[in-house]
Amino acid sequence: MKRNAVAWAALIVSAAALISSHGLTKQVPAQEKALSIEGQKHARALSEAFEAAADFVRPSVVQINVAGRNPMGRGNNGPNMPAPKELEDLLKRFMPNFKFEKQQLIPPGGGIGTGSGFVYDDKGHILTNNHVVDGATNIQVTFHDGETAKAKIVGVDPDADQRWPVYLRSVLAFSLVSIVVLYAVLRLQAYLPYSLSREGMPSLQALNTAVSFVTNTNWQSYSGEAALGYTAQMAGLAVQNFLSAAVGIAVAVALVRGLSRRETDRVGNFWVDLTRITLRVLLPLAVVFGVVLLLNGVVQNFNGDTTITTLGGGARPAARGAPPRPAVPSP
């Protein structure tokens, strides 16, 4: 049942327009002024084009009946969905054997639902909206010719929105992994390149520092240049300066979504939010300010410490900055 890209585009546009708009399933009231001959030709051509597209993609369209938990407590009718009879008449234009399944066993605390999708390859994979099958314990597919088959979920869109419990688990899981990785970097820095012969940080101090940076508090109980080498600072602390900030912004955005959205329990996708905030907001800002610092000579290299003489006559090691500039004699 392979179809070309034109068929997919026609199906998606047609289905979205027909199902999301209640008015298209009702009779359009007569206009006060009749259409011109030219307008009638355009309307007839549009109707014929739609019928041709429907005929072309009809063998790929399927009816999906599901039974399972209904987290939103809604029935088959959403706020913008046509009444069941009208929706059934509409879908019968694509699937003559379509009918709402009223005989399905409804599990305790669950419900039934009906949706649609389309077969997109010769292996029988079907594409549908996530909300059609989300939480379903029983999925049955009815094909164009009336044949039915049991189905199961084999994959989801990585960009699909998450419910708040899933979003929360994603935040906690990412933060836990970040703490473990940063703790390991701090403890093992003596074995890392560019460690400047620094020893690994003590276990409790490393744990405190890891939790501090992952939670974006950045509390330090040590002198950064004296206790940490370049790798621990760059691959450990600096990375968390970006990621922990991105996590905080993502949680704030999810909170705003939860307060503003209606008729849905979705608050976005944490992984998508994290990636976009880091790559599209924080890194570009870092590049801009990095160039400003570079132009002002605030650039460090990978050389080791240098010994400087203090005003009191003592000597102490200091991390290197930009290479020294030759002195210019005054005239």
C-alpha atoms as a PDB file:
ATOM      1  CA  MET A   1       0.000   0.000   0.000  1.00  0.00           C
ATOM      2  CA  LYS A   2       2.772   2.405  -0.747  1.00  0.00           C
ATOM      3  CA  ARG A   3       1.631   5.891  -1.683  1.00  0.00           C
ATOM      4  CA  ASN A   4       3.609   8.851  -2.916  1.00  0.00           C
ATOM      5  CA  ALA A   5       4.209  12.132  -1.090  1.00  0.00           C
ATOM      6  CA  VAL A   6       1.305  13.845  -2.865  1.00  0.00           C
ATOM      7  CA  ALA A   7      -1.070  11.280  -1.426  1.00  0.00           C
ATOM      8  CA  TRP A   8       0.228  11.807   2.099  1.00  0.00           C
ATOM      9  CA  ALA A   9      -0.074  15.557   1.781  1.00  0.00           C
ATOM     10  CA  ALA A  10      -3.603  15.288   0.427  1.00  0.00           C
ATOM     11  CA  LEU A  11      -4.626  12.913   3.198  1.00  0.00           C
ATOM     12  CA  ILE A  12      -3.172  14.994   6.019  1.00  0.00           C
ATOM     13  CA  VAL A  13      -4.591  18.288   4.761  1.00  0.00           C
ATOM     14  CA  SER A  14      -7.992  16.799   4.003  1.00  0.00           C
ATOM     15  CA  ALA A  15      -8.329  14.892   7.262  1.00  0.00           C
ATOM     16  CA  ALA A  16      -7.171  17.847   9.366  1.00  0.00           C
ATOM     17  CA  ALA A  17      -9.573  20.211   7.667  1.00  0.00           C
ATOM     18  CA  LEU A  18     -12.545  17.857   7.789  1.00  0.00           C
ATOM     19  CA  ILE A  19     -12.185  16.481  11.294  1.00  0.00           C
ATOM     20  CA  SER A  20     -11.060  19.632  13.096  1.00  0.00           C
ATOM     21  CA  SER A  21     -13.732  21.824  11.564  1.00  0.00           C
ATOM     22  CA  HIS A  22     -17.246  20.980  12.726  1.00  0.00           C
ATOM     23  CA  GLY A  23     -18.807  23.207  10.166  1.00  0.00           C
ATOM     24  CA  LEU A  24     -17.637  21.170   7.171  1.00  0.00           C
ATOM     25  CA  THR A  25     -19.894  18.279   8.163  1.00  0.00           C
ATOM     26  CA  LYS A  26     -23.017  20.432   8.225  1.00  0.00           C
ATOM     27  CA  GLN A  27     -25.056  21.804   5.423  1.00  0.00           C
ATOM     28  CA  VAL A  28     -23.838  25.228   4.341  1.00  0.00           C
ATOM     29  CA  PRO A  29     -26.670  27.772   4.342  1.00  0.00           C
ATOM     30  CA  ALA A  30     -27.611  29.249   0.989  1.00  0.00           C
ATOM     31  CA  GLN A  31     -25.826  32.435   0.121  1.00  0.00           C
ATOM     32  CA  GLU A  32     -27.828  35.524  -0.639  1.00  0.00           C
ATOM     33  CA  LYS A  33     -26.011  35.911  -3.918  1.00  0.00           C
ATOM     34  CA  ALA A  34     -25.499  32.945  -6.230  1.00  0.00           C
ATOM     35  CA  LEU A  35     -21.998  32.068  -7.333  1.00  0.00           C
ATOM     36  CA  SER A  36     -20.890  33.257 -10.700  1.00  0.00           C
ATOM     37  CA  ILE A  37     -20.253  30.796 -13.512  1.00  0.00           C
ATOM     38  CA  GLU A  38     -16.534  31.154 -12.945  1.00  0.00           C
ATOM     39  CA  GLY A  39     -16.971  30.567  -9.201  1.00  0.00           C
ATOM     40  CA  GLN A  40     -19.046  27.470  -9.843  1.00  0.00           C
ATOM     41  CA  LYS A  41     -16.300  26.104 -12.103  1.00  0.00           C
ATOM     42  CA  HIS A  42     -13.691  26.654  -9.402  1.00  0.00           C
ATOM     43  CA  ALA A  43     -15.913  25.046  -6.750  1.00  0.00           C
ATOM     44  CA  ARG A  44     -16.589  22.052  -9.005  1.00  0.00           C
ATOM     45  CA  ALA A  45     -12.892  21.688  -9.800  1.00  0.00           C
ATOM     46  CA  LEU A  46     -12.012  21.815  -6.090  1.00  0.00           C
ATOM     47  CA  SER A  47     -14.657  19.209  -5.295  1.00  0.00           C
ATOM     48  CA  GLU A  48     -13.433  16.915  -8.050  1.00  0.00           C
ATOM     49  CA  ALA A  49      -9.820  17.326  -6.885  1.00  0.00           C
ATOM     50  CA  PHE A  50     -10.804  16.400  -3.338  1.00  0.00           C
ATOM     51  CA  GLU A  51     -12.752  13.352  -4.525  1.00  0.00           C
ATOM     52  CA  ALA A  52      -9.809  12.252  -6.652  1.00  0.00           C
ATOM     53  CA  ALA A  53      -7.431  12.600  -3.692  1.00  0.00           C
ATOM     54  CA  ALA A  54      -9.863  10.701  -1.458  1.00  0.00           C
ATOM     55  CA  ASP A  55     -10.189   7.887  -4.014  1.00  0.00           C
ATOM     56  CA  PHE A  56      -6.407   7.686  -4.353  1.00  0.00           C
ATOM     57  CA  VAL A  57      -5.626   7.422  -0.628  1.00  0.00           C
ATOM     58  CA  ARG A  58      -8.754   5.533   0.497  1.00  0.00           C
ATOM     59  CA  PRO A  59      -7.103   2.056   0.461  1.00  0.00           C
ATOM     60  CA  SER A  60      -4.497   3.298   2.952  1.00  0.00           C
ATOM     61  CA  VAL A  61      -6.918   4.851   5.471  1.00  0.00           C
ATOM     62  CA  VAL A  62      -7.824   2.748   8.506  1.00  0.00           C
ATOM     63  CA  GLN A  63     -10.205   3.002  11.424  1.00  0.00           C
ATOM     64  CA  ILE A  64      -8.626   2.580  14.874  1.00  0.00           C
ATOM     65  CA  ASN A  65     -10.745   1.456  17.835  1.00  0.00           C
ATOM     66  CA  VAL A  66      -9.091   1.530  21.250  1.00  0.00           C
ATOM     67  CA  ALA A  67     -10.022   0.573  24.786  1.00  0.00           C
ATOM     68  CA  GLY A  68      -8.104   1.542  27.895  1.00  0.00           C
ATOM     69  CA  ARG A  69      -7.616   4.227  30.448  1.00  0.00           C
ATOM     70  CA  ASN A  70      -8.844   7.711  29.581  1.00  0.00           C
ATOM     71  CA  PRO A  71      -6.691  10.112  31.641  1.00  0.00           C
ATOM     72  CA  MET A  72      -8.681  13.182  30.665  1.00  0.00           C
ATOM     73  CA  GLY A  73     -12.035  11.566  31.420  1.00  0.00           C
ATOM     74  CA  ARG A  74     -13.404  12.466  27.993  1.00  0.00           C
ATOM     75  CA  GLY A  75     -15.545  10.347  25.748  1.00  0.00           C
ATOM     76  CA  ASN A  76     -15.346  10.073  21.987  1.00  0.00           C
ATOM     77  CA  ASN A  77     -16.287  13.706  21.540  1.00  0.00           C
ATOM     78  CA  GLY A  78     -13.626  16.347  22.126  1.00  0.00           C
ATOM     79  CA  PRO A  79     -14.509  20.029  22.289  1.00  0.00           C
ATOM     80  CA  ASN A  80     -13.960  20.491  18.535  1.00  0.00           C
ATOM     81  CA  MET A  81     -15.075  17.066  17.292  1.00  0.00           C
ATOM     82  CA  PRO A  82     -18.233  16.452  15.223  1.00  0.00           C
ATOM     83  CA  ALA A  83     -21.041  14.462  16.802  1.00  0.00           C
ATOM     84  CA  PRO A  84     -20.551  10.678  16.448  1.00  0.00           C
ATOM     85  CA  LYS A  85     -23.188  10.289  13.720  1.00  0.00           C
ATOM     86  CA  GLU A  86     -21.740  13.112  11.646  1.00  0.00           C
ATOM     87  CA  LEU A  87     -18.182  11.828  12.168  1.00  0.00           C
ATOM     88  CA  GLU A  88     -19.286   8.339  11.208  1.00  0.00           C
ATOM     89  CA  ASP A  89     -20.888   9.625   7.998  1.00  0.00           C
ATOM     90  CA  LEU A  90     -17.750  11.588   7.212  1.00  0.00           C
ATOM     91  CA  LEU A  91     -15.359   8.669   7.731  1.00  0.00           C
ATOM     92  CA  LYS A  92     -17.558   6.388   5.666  1.00  0.00           C
ATOM     93  CA  ARG A  93     -16.554   8.477   2.650  1.00  0.00           C
ATOM     94  CA  PHE A  94     -13.093   6.981   3.119  1.00  0.00           C
ATOM     95  CA  MET A  95     -14.072   3.658   4.720  1.00  0.00           C
ATOM     96  CA  PRO A  96     -17.474   2.299   3.644  1.00  0.00           C
ATOM     97  CA  ASN A  97     -17.372  -0.322   6.420  1.00  0.00           C
ATOM     98  CA  PHE A  98     -16.676   2.204   9.176  1.00  0.00           C
ATOM     99  CA  LYS A  99     -18.754   2.034  12.347  1.00  0.00           C
ATOM    100  CA  PHE A 100     -18.313   3.049  15.974  1.00  0.00           C
ATOM    101  CA  GLU A 101     -17.654   0.034  18.166  1.00  0.00           C
ATOM    102  CA  LYS A 102     -20.123   0.127  21.053  1.00  0.00           C
ATOM    103  CA  GLN A 103     -19.663  -3.494  22.145  1.00  0.00           C
ATOM    104  CA  GLN A 104     -16.115  -3.193  23.422  1.00  0.00           C
ATOM    105  CA  LEU A 105     -15.482  -4.061  27.056  1.00  0.00           C
ATOM    106  CA  ILE A 106     -14.663  -0.902  28.981  1.00  0.00           C
ATOM    107  CA  PRO A 107     -12.019  -1.576  31.642  1.00  0.00           C
ATOM    108  CA  PRO A 108     -12.514  -0.144  35.156  1.00  0.00           C
ATOM    109  CA  GLY A 109     -11.711   3.555  35.143  1.00  0.00           C
ATOM    110  CA  GLY A 110     -11.183   3.439  31.395  1.00  0.00           C
ATOM    111  CA  GLY A 111     -13.058   4.153  28.194  1.00  0.00           C
ATOM    112  CA  ILE A 112     -13.207   3.561  24.484  1.00  0.00           C
ATOM    113  CA  GLY A 113     -12.261   5.768  21.585  1.00  0.00           C
ATOM    114  CA  THR A 114     -12.221   5.825  17.822  1.00  0.00           C
ATOM    115  CA  GLY A 115      -9.699   7.463  15.555  1.00  0.00           C
ATOM    116  CA  SER A 116      -8.138   7.110  12.151  1.00  0.00           C
ATOM    117  CA  GLY A 117      -4.721   6.658  10.609  1.00  0.00           C
ATOM    118  CA  PHE A 118      -3.111   5.442   7.421  1.00  0.00           C
ATOM    119  CA  VAL A 119      -0.814   2.639   6.322  1.00  0.00           C
ATOM    120  CA  TYR A 120       2.466   4.060   5.073  1.00  0.00           C
ATOM    121  CA  ASP A 121       4.466   0.989   4.028  1.00  0.00           C
ATOM    122  CA  ASP A 122       4.015  -2.581   2.827  1.00  0.00           C
ATOM    123  CA  LYS A 123       4.870  -3.957   6.290  1.00  0.00           C
ATOM    124  CA  GLY A 124       1.610  -2.697   7.744  1.00  0.00           C
ATOM    125  CA  HIS A 125       2.947   0.178   9.831  1.00  0.00           C
ATOM    126  CA  ILE A 126       0.238   2.726  10.585  1.00  0.00           C
ATOM    127  CA  LEU A 127       0.668   6.407  11.400  1.00  0.00           C
ATOM    128  CA  THR A 128      -1.835   8.086  13.726  1.00  0.00           C
ATOM    129  CA  ASN A 129      -1.956  10.790  16.374  1.00  0.00           C
ATOM    130  CA  ASN A 130      -0.475   9.904  19.746  1.00  0.00           C
ATOM    131  CA  HIS A 131      -3.648  10.816  21.631  1.00  0.00           C
ATOM    132  CA  VAL A 132      -5.599   8.175  19.677  1.00  0.00           C
ATOM    133  CA  VAL A 133      -3.655   5.263  21.174  1.00  0.00           C
ATOM    134  CA  ASP A 134      -2.113   6.814  24.286  1.00  0.00           C
ATOM    135  CA  GLY A 135      -2.930   4.629  27.292  1.00  0.00           C
ATOM    136  CA  ALA A 136      -4.773   2.050  25.201  1.00  0.00           C
ATOM    137  CA  THR A 137      -4.702  -1.570  26.380  1.00  0.00           C
ATOM    138  CA  ASN A 138      -6.540  -2.934  23.357  1.00  0.00           C
ATOM    139  CA  ILE A 139      -6.101  -1.639  19.794  1.00  0.00           C
ATOM    140  CA  GLN A 140      -8.079  -2.920  16.817  1.00  0.00           C
ATOM    141  CA  VAL A 141      -7.620  -1.703  13.252  1.00  0.00           C
ATOM    142  CA  THR A 142     -10.284  -1.907  10.539  1.00  0.00           C
ATOM    143  CA  PHE A 143      -9.035  -1.667   6.963  1.00  0.00           C
ATOM    144  CA  HIS A 144     -10.823  -0.249   3.943  1.00  0.00           C
ATOM    145  CA  ASP A 145     -12.121  -3.656   2.854  1.00  0.00           C
ATOM    146  CA  GLY A 146     -13.588  -4.457   6.286  1.00  0.00           C
ATOM    147  CA  GLU A 147     -10.755  -6.701   7.432  1.00  0.00           C
ATOM    148  CA  THR A 148      -9.808  -6.242  11.092  1.00  0.00           C
ATOM    149  CA  ALA A 149      -6.571  -6.925  12.950  1.00  0.00           C
ATOM    150  CA  LYS A 150      -5.092  -6.461  16.389  1.00  0.00           C
ATOM    151  CA  ALA A 151      -2.375  -3.789  16.597  1.00  0.00           C
ATOM    152  CA  LYS A 152       0.304  -2.681  19.031  1.00  0.00           C
ATOM    153  CA  ILE A 153       2.366   0.471  19.464  1.00  0.00           C
ATOM    154  CA  VAL A 154       5.869   0.053  18.030  1.00  0.00           C
ATOM    155  CA  GLY A 155       7.140   3.622  18.272  1.00  0.00           C
ATOM    156  CA  VAL A 156       6.287   7.191  19.138  1.00  0.00           C
ATOM    157  CA  ASP A 157       7.235  10.566  17.762  1.00  0.00           C
ATOM    158  CA  PRO A 158      10.176  11.910  19.798  1.00  0.00           C
ATOM    159  CA  ASP A 159       8.707  15.390  19.456  1.00  0.00           C
ATOM    160  CA  ALA A 160       5.370  14.322  20.941  1.00  0.00           C
ATOM    161  CA  ASP A 161       4.339  16.255  24.047  1.00  0.00           C
ATOM    162  CA  GLN A 162       4.578  14.591  27.441  1.00  0.00           C
ATOM    163  CA  ARG A 163       2.157  14.566  30.337  1.00  0.00           C
ATOM    164  CA  TRP A 164       3.483  16.302  33.434  1.00  0.00           C
ATOM    165  CA  PRO A 165       4.439  13.079  35.293  1.00  0.00           C
ATOM    166  CA  VAL A 166       6.553  11.976  32.316  1.00  0.00           C
ATOM    167  CA  TYR A 167       8.064  15.456  32.007  1.00  0.00           C
ATOM    168  CA  LEU A 168       8.919  15.398  35.724  1.00  0.00           C
ATOM    169  CA  ARG A 169      10.520  11.961  35.472  1.00  0.00           C
ATOM    170  CA  SER A 170      12.597  13.151  32.527  1.00  0.00           C
ATOM    171  CA  VAL A 171      13.855  16.150  34.517  1.00  0.00           C
ATOM    172  CA  LEU A 172      14.741  14.029  37.542  1.00  0.00           C
ATOM    173  CA  ALA A 173      16.408  11.307  35.462  1.00  0.00           C
ATOM    174  CA  PHE A 174      18.531  13.809  33.543  1.00  0.00           C
ATOM    175  CA  SER A 175      19.510  15.613  36.738  1.00  0.00           C
ATOM    176  CA  LEU A 176      20.470  12.347  38.461  1.00  0.00           C
ATOM    177  CA  VAL A 177      22.668  11.294  35.535  1.00  0.00           C
ATOM    178  CA  SER A 178      24.243  14.762  35.492  1.00  0.00           C
ATOM    179  CA  ILE A 179      25.110  14.522  39.188  1.00  0.00           C
ATOM    180  CA  VAL A 180      26.740  11.117  38.715  1.00  0.00           C
ATOM    181  CA  VAL A 181      28.776  12.256  35.690  1.00  0.00           C
ATOM    182  CA  LEU A 182      29.962  15.493  37.327  1.00  0.00           C
ATOM    183  CA  TYR A 183      30.813  13.663  40.562  1.00  0.00           C
ATOM    184  CA  ALA A 184      32.942  11.202  38.576  1.00  0.00           C
ATOM    185  CA  VAL A 185      34.747  14.024  36.743  1.00  0.00           C
ATOM    186  CA  LEU A 186      35.613  15.787  39.997  1.00  0.00           C
ATOM    187  CA  ARG A 187      36.742  12.650  41.771  1.00  0.00           C
ATOM    188  CA  LEU A 188      38.830  11.351  38.843  1.00  0.00           C
ATOM    189  CA  GLN A 189      40.304  14.613  37.599  1.00  0.00           C
ATOM    190  CA  ALA A 190      43.858  13.486  38.484  1.00  0.00           C
ATOM    191  CA  TYR A 191      43.579  10.971  35.623  1.00  0.00           C
ATOM    192  CA  LEU A 192      42.135  13.436  33.114  1.00  0.00           C
ATOM    193  CA  PRO A 193      44.177  15.448  30.592  1.00  0.00           C
ATOM    194  CA  TYR A 194      44.988  19.047  31.482  1.00  0.00           C
ATOM    195  CA  SER A 195      44.439  18.322  35.157  1.00  0.00           C
ATOM    196  CA  LEU A 196      47.504  20.496  36.007  1.00  0.00           C
ATOM    197  CA  SER A 197      48.516  17.821  38.528  1.00  0.00           C
ATOM    198  CA  ARG A 198      45.470  18.586  40.652  1.00  0.00           C
ATOM    199  CA  GLU A 199      44.274  15.768  42.908  1.00  0.00           C
ATOM    200  CA  GLY A 200      40.763  14.424  42.814  1.00  0.00           C
ATOM    201  CA  MET A 201      38.270  16.341  44.936  1.00  0.00           C
ATOM    202  CA  PRO A 202      37.285  14.721  48.274  1.00  0.00           C
ATOM    203  CA  SER A 203      34.141  12.611  48.042  1.00  0.00           C
ATOM    204  CA  LEU A 204      31.778  14.765  50.138  1.00  0.00           C
ATOM    205  CA  GLN A 205      33.021  17.976  48.578  1.00  0.00           C
ATOM    206  CA  ALA A 206      32.658  16.464  45.097  1.00  0.00           C
ATOM    207  CA  LEU A 207      29.077  15.382  45.878  1.00  0.00           C
ATOM    208  CA  ASN A 208      28.221  18.801  47.278  1.00  0.00           C
ATOM    209  CA  THR A 209      29.713  20.517  44.225  1.00  0.00           C
ATOM    210  CA  ALA A 210      27.953  18.185  41.773  1.00  0.00           C
ATOM    211  CA  VAL A 211      24.539  18.686  43.393  1.00  0.00           C
ATOM    212  CA  SER A 212      25.179  22.419  43.628  1.00  0.00           C
ATOM    213  CA  PHE A 213      25.984  22.874  39.942  1.00  0.00           C
ATOM    214  CA  VAL A 214      23.261  20.517  38.666  1.00  0.00           C
ATOM    215  CA  THR A 215      20.638  22.412  40.688  1.00  0.00           C
ATOM    216  CA  ASN A 216      22.033  25.697  39.306  1.00  0.00           C
ATOM    217  CA  THR A 217      23.026  27.097  42.691  1.00  0.00           C
ATOM    218  CA  ASN A 218      26.770  26.898  41.865  1.00  0.00           C
ATOM    219  CA  TRP A 219      27.879  27.042  45.500  1.00  0.00           C
ATOM    220  CA  GLN A 220      31.649  26.599  45.759  1.00  0.00           C
ATOM    221  CA  SER A 221      33.567  25.651  48.894  1.00  0.00           C
ATOM    222  CA  TYR A 222      36.935  25.736  47.149  1.00  0.00           C
ATOM    223  CA  SER A 223      39.100  27.952  44.990  1.00  0.00           C
ATOM    224  CA  GLY A 224      38.348  26.977  41.412  1.00  0.00           C
ATOM    225  CA  GLU A 225      41.795  27.675  39.968  1.00  0.00           C
ATOM    226  CA  ALA A 226      43.642  26.034  42.877  1.00  0.00           C
ATOM    227  CA  ALA A 227      41.473  22.911  43.197  1.00  0.00           C
ATOM    228  CA  LEU A 228      40.442  22.108  39.625  1.00  0.00           C
ATOM    229  CA  GLY A 229      42.245  21.597  36.357  1.00  0.00           C
ATOM    230  CA  TYR A 230      41.079  22.788  32.972  1.00  0.00           C
ATOM    231  CA  THR A 231      39.173  19.616  32.010  1.00  0.00           C
ATOM    232  CA  ALA A 232      37.151  19.493  35.227  1.00  0.00           C
ATOM    233  CA  GLN A 233      36.252  23.147  34.817  1.00  0.00           C
ATOM    234  CA  MET A 234      35.344  22.919  31.123  1.00  0.00           C
ATOM    235  CA  ALA A 235      33.821  19.424  30.799  1.00  0.00           C
ATOM    236  CA  GLY A 236      32.300  19.443  34.264  1.00  0.00           C
ATOM    237  CA  LEU A 237      31.361  22.802  35.731  1.00  0.00           C
ATOM    238  CA  ALA A 238      31.000  24.815  32.515  1.00  0.00           C
ATOM    239  CA  VAL A 239      28.787  22.147  30.922  1.00  0.00           C
ATOM    240  CA  GLN A 240      26.473  22.247  33.917  1.00  0.00           C
ATOM    241  CA  ASN A 241      26.405  26.039  33.752  1.00  0.00           C
ATOM    242  CA  PHE A 242      24.590  25.525  30.442  1.00  0.00           C
ATOM    243  CA  LEU A 243      22.565  22.384  31.100  1.00  0.00           C
ATOM    244  CA  SER A 244      21.324  23.281  34.580  1.00  0.00           C
ATOM    245  CA  ALA A 245      20.206  26.682  33.307  1.00  0.00           C
ATOM    246  CA  ALA A 246      18.454  25.006  30.367  1.00  0.00           C
ATOM    247  CA  VAL A 247      16.667  22.622  32.746  1.00  0.00           C
ATOM    248  CA  GLY A 248      15.473  25.529  34.875  1.00  0.00           C
ATOM    249  CA  ILE A 249      14.162  27.422  31.856  1.00  0.00           C
ATOM    250  CA  ALA A 250      12.480  24.267  30.513  1.00  0.00           C
ATOM    251  CA  VAL A 251      10.669  23.674  33.811  1.00  0.00           C
ATOM    252  CA  ALA A 252       9.505  27.310  33.861  1.00  0.00           C
ATOM    253  CA  VAL A 253       8.215  27.004  30.277  1.00  0.00           C
ATOM    254  CA  ALA A 254       6.426  23.746  31.147  1.00  0.00           C
ATOM    255  CA  LEU A 255       4.774  25.471  34.110  1.00  0.00           C
ATOM    256  CA  VAL A 256       3.503  28.263  31.858  1.00  0.00           C
ATOM    257  CA  ARG A 257       2.172  25.689  29.393  1.00  0.00           C
ATOM    258  CA  GLY A 258       0.381  23.846  32.180  1.00  0.00           C
ATOM    259  CA  LEU A 259      -1.302  27.037  33.377  1.00  0.00           C
ATOM    260  CA  SER A 260      -2.276  28.286  29.925  1.00  0.00           C
ATOM    261  CA  ARG A 261      -3.369  25.151  28.070  1.00  0.00           C
ATOM    262  CA  ARG A 262      -6.897  23.790  28.179  1.00  0.00           C
ATOM    263  CA  GLU A 263      -8.398  20.391  27.319  1.00  0.00           C
ATOM    264  CA  THR A 264      -5.005  18.674  27.449  1.00  0.00           C
ATOM    265  CA  ASP A 265      -2.639  17.258  30.026  1.00  0.00           C
ATOM    266  CA  ARG A 266       0.444  17.814  27.842  1.00  0.00           C
ATOM    267  CA  VAL A 267       3.128  20.268  28.914  1.00  0.00           C
ATOM    268  CA  GLY A 268       5.687  19.799  26.143  1.00  0.00           C
ATOM    269  CA  ASN A 269       8.641  17.481  25.648  1.00  0.00           C
ATOM    270  CA  PHE A 270      11.528  17.902  28.084  1.00  0.00           C
ATOM    271  CA  TRP A 271      14.202  16.575  25.726  1.00  0.00           C
ATOM    272  CA  VAL A 272      13.103  18.856  22.911  1.00  0.00           C
ATOM    273  CA  ASP A 273      12.929  21.843  25.283  1.00  0.00           C
ATOM    274  CA  LEU A 274      16.374  21.070  26.705  1.00  0.00           C
ATOM    275  CA  THR A 275      17.970  20.782  23.277  1.00  0.00           C
ATOM    276  CA  ARG A 276      16.360  23.898  21.841  1.00  0.00           C
ATOM    277  CA  ILE A 277      17.119  26.095  24.856  1.00  0.00           C
ATOM    278  CA  THR A 278      20.752  24.988  24.908  1.00  0.00           C
ATOM    279  CA  LEU A 279      21.438  25.224  21.164  1.00  0.00           C
ATOM    280  CA  ARG A 280      19.208  28.153  20.226  1.00  0.00           C
ATOM    281  CA  VAL A 281      19.438  30.400  23.285  1.00  0.00           C
ATOM    282  CA  LEU A 282      22.326  29.721  25.650  1.00  0.00           C
ATOM    283  CA  LEU A 283      25.080  28.749  23.209  1.00  0.00           C
ATOM    284  CA  PRO A 284      24.469  31.709  20.850  1.00  0.00           C
ATOM    285  CA  LEU A 285      24.588  34.058  23.847  1.00  0.00           C
ATOM    286  CA  ALA A 286      27.810  32.400  25.005  1.00  0.00           C
ATOM    287  CA  VAL A 287      29.380  32.895  21.579  1.00  0.00           C
ATOM    288  CA  VAL A 288      28.475  36.592  21.551  1.00  0.00           C
ATOM    289  CA  PHE A 289      29.858  37.255  25.029  1.00  0.00           C
ATOM    290  CA  GLY A 290      32.865  35.032  24.305  1.00  0.00           C
ATOM    291  CA  VAL A 291      33.768  37.225  21.328  1.00  0.00           C
ATOM    292  CA  VAL A 292      33.413  40.326  23.525  1.00  0.00           C
ATOM    293  CA  LEU A 293      35.799  38.835  26.085  1.00  0.00           C
ATOM    294  CA  LEU A 294      38.212  37.774  23.357  1.00  0.00           C
ATOM    295  CA  LEU A 295      38.332  41.280  21.916  1.00  0.00           C
ATOM    296  CA  ASN A 296      39.161  42.603  25.364  1.00  0.00           C
ATOM    297  CA  GLY A 297      42.022  40.161  25.878  1.00  0.00           C
ATOM    298  CA  VAL A 298      40.294  37.993  28.499  1.00  0.00           C
ATOM    299  CA  VAL A 299      41.329  34.676  26.957  1.00  0.00           C
ATOM    300  CA  GLN A 300      42.953  31.773  28.735  1.00  0.00           C
ATOM    301  CA  ASN A 301      45.234  29.202  27.152  1.00  0.00           C
ATOM    302  CA  PHE A 302      46.058  25.631  28.111  1.00  0.00           C
ATOM    303  CA  ASN A 303      49.447  26.402  29.641  1.00  0.00           C
ATOM    304  CA  GLY A 304      50.180  25.419  33.208  1.00  0.00           C
ATOM    305  CA  ASP A 305      50.424  27.671  36.207  1.00  0.00           C
ATOM    306  CA  THR A 306      52.936  30.477  36.328  1.00  0.00           C
ATOM    307  CA  THR A 307      54.685  31.836  39.415  1.00  0.00           C
ATOM    308  CA  ILE A 308      54.106  35.452  40.274  1.00  0.00           C
ATOM    309  CA  THR A 309      55.683  37.693  42.881  1.00  0.00           C
ATOM    310  CA  THR A 310      53.235  39.402  45.181  1.00  0.00           C
ATOM    311  CA  LEU A 311      53.520  42.960  46.520  1.00  0.00           C
ATOM    312  CA  GLY A 312      54.722  41.548  49.819  1.00  0.00           C
ATOM    313  CA  GLY A 313      57.635  39.857  48.103  1.00  0.00           C
ATOM    314  CA  GLY A 314      56.247  36.316  48.250  1.00  0.00           C
ATOM    315  CA  ALA A 315      55.737  33.932  45.360  1.00  0.00           C
ATOM    316  CA  ARG A 316      52.561  32.039  44.473  1.00  0.00           C
ATOM    317  CA  PRO A 317      51.263  30.027  41.505  1.00  0.00           C
ATOM    318  CA  ALA A 318      48.594  31.568  39.300  1.00  0.00           C
ATOM    319  CA  ALA A 319      46.594  30.257  36.362  1.00  0.00           C
ATOM    320  CA  ARG A 320      47.713  31.676  33.069  1.00  0.00           C
ATOM    321  CA  GLY A 321      45.602  34.110  31.096  1.00  0.00           C
ATOM    322  CA  ALA A 322      46.369  35.638  27.737  1.00  0.00           C
ATOM    323  CA  PRO A 323      49.991  35.490  26.663  1.00  0.00           C
ATOM    324  CA  PRO A 324      51.970  38.497  27.926  1.00  0.00           C
ATOM    325  CA  ARG A 325      52.320  41.432  25.568  1.00  0.00           C
ATOM    326  CA  PRO A 326      55.744  42.943  24.998  1.00  0.00           C
ATOM    327  CA  ALA A 327      56.307  46.197  26.792  1.00  0.00           C
ATOM    328  CA  VAL A 328      56.326  49.276  24.574  1.00  0.00           C
ATOM    329  CA  PRO A 329      58.870  51.866  25.708  1.00  0.00           C
ATOM    330  CA  SER A 330      57.447  55.272  26.295  1.00  0.00           C
ATOM    331  CA  PRO A 331      58.806  58.046  24.073  1.00  0.00           C
END
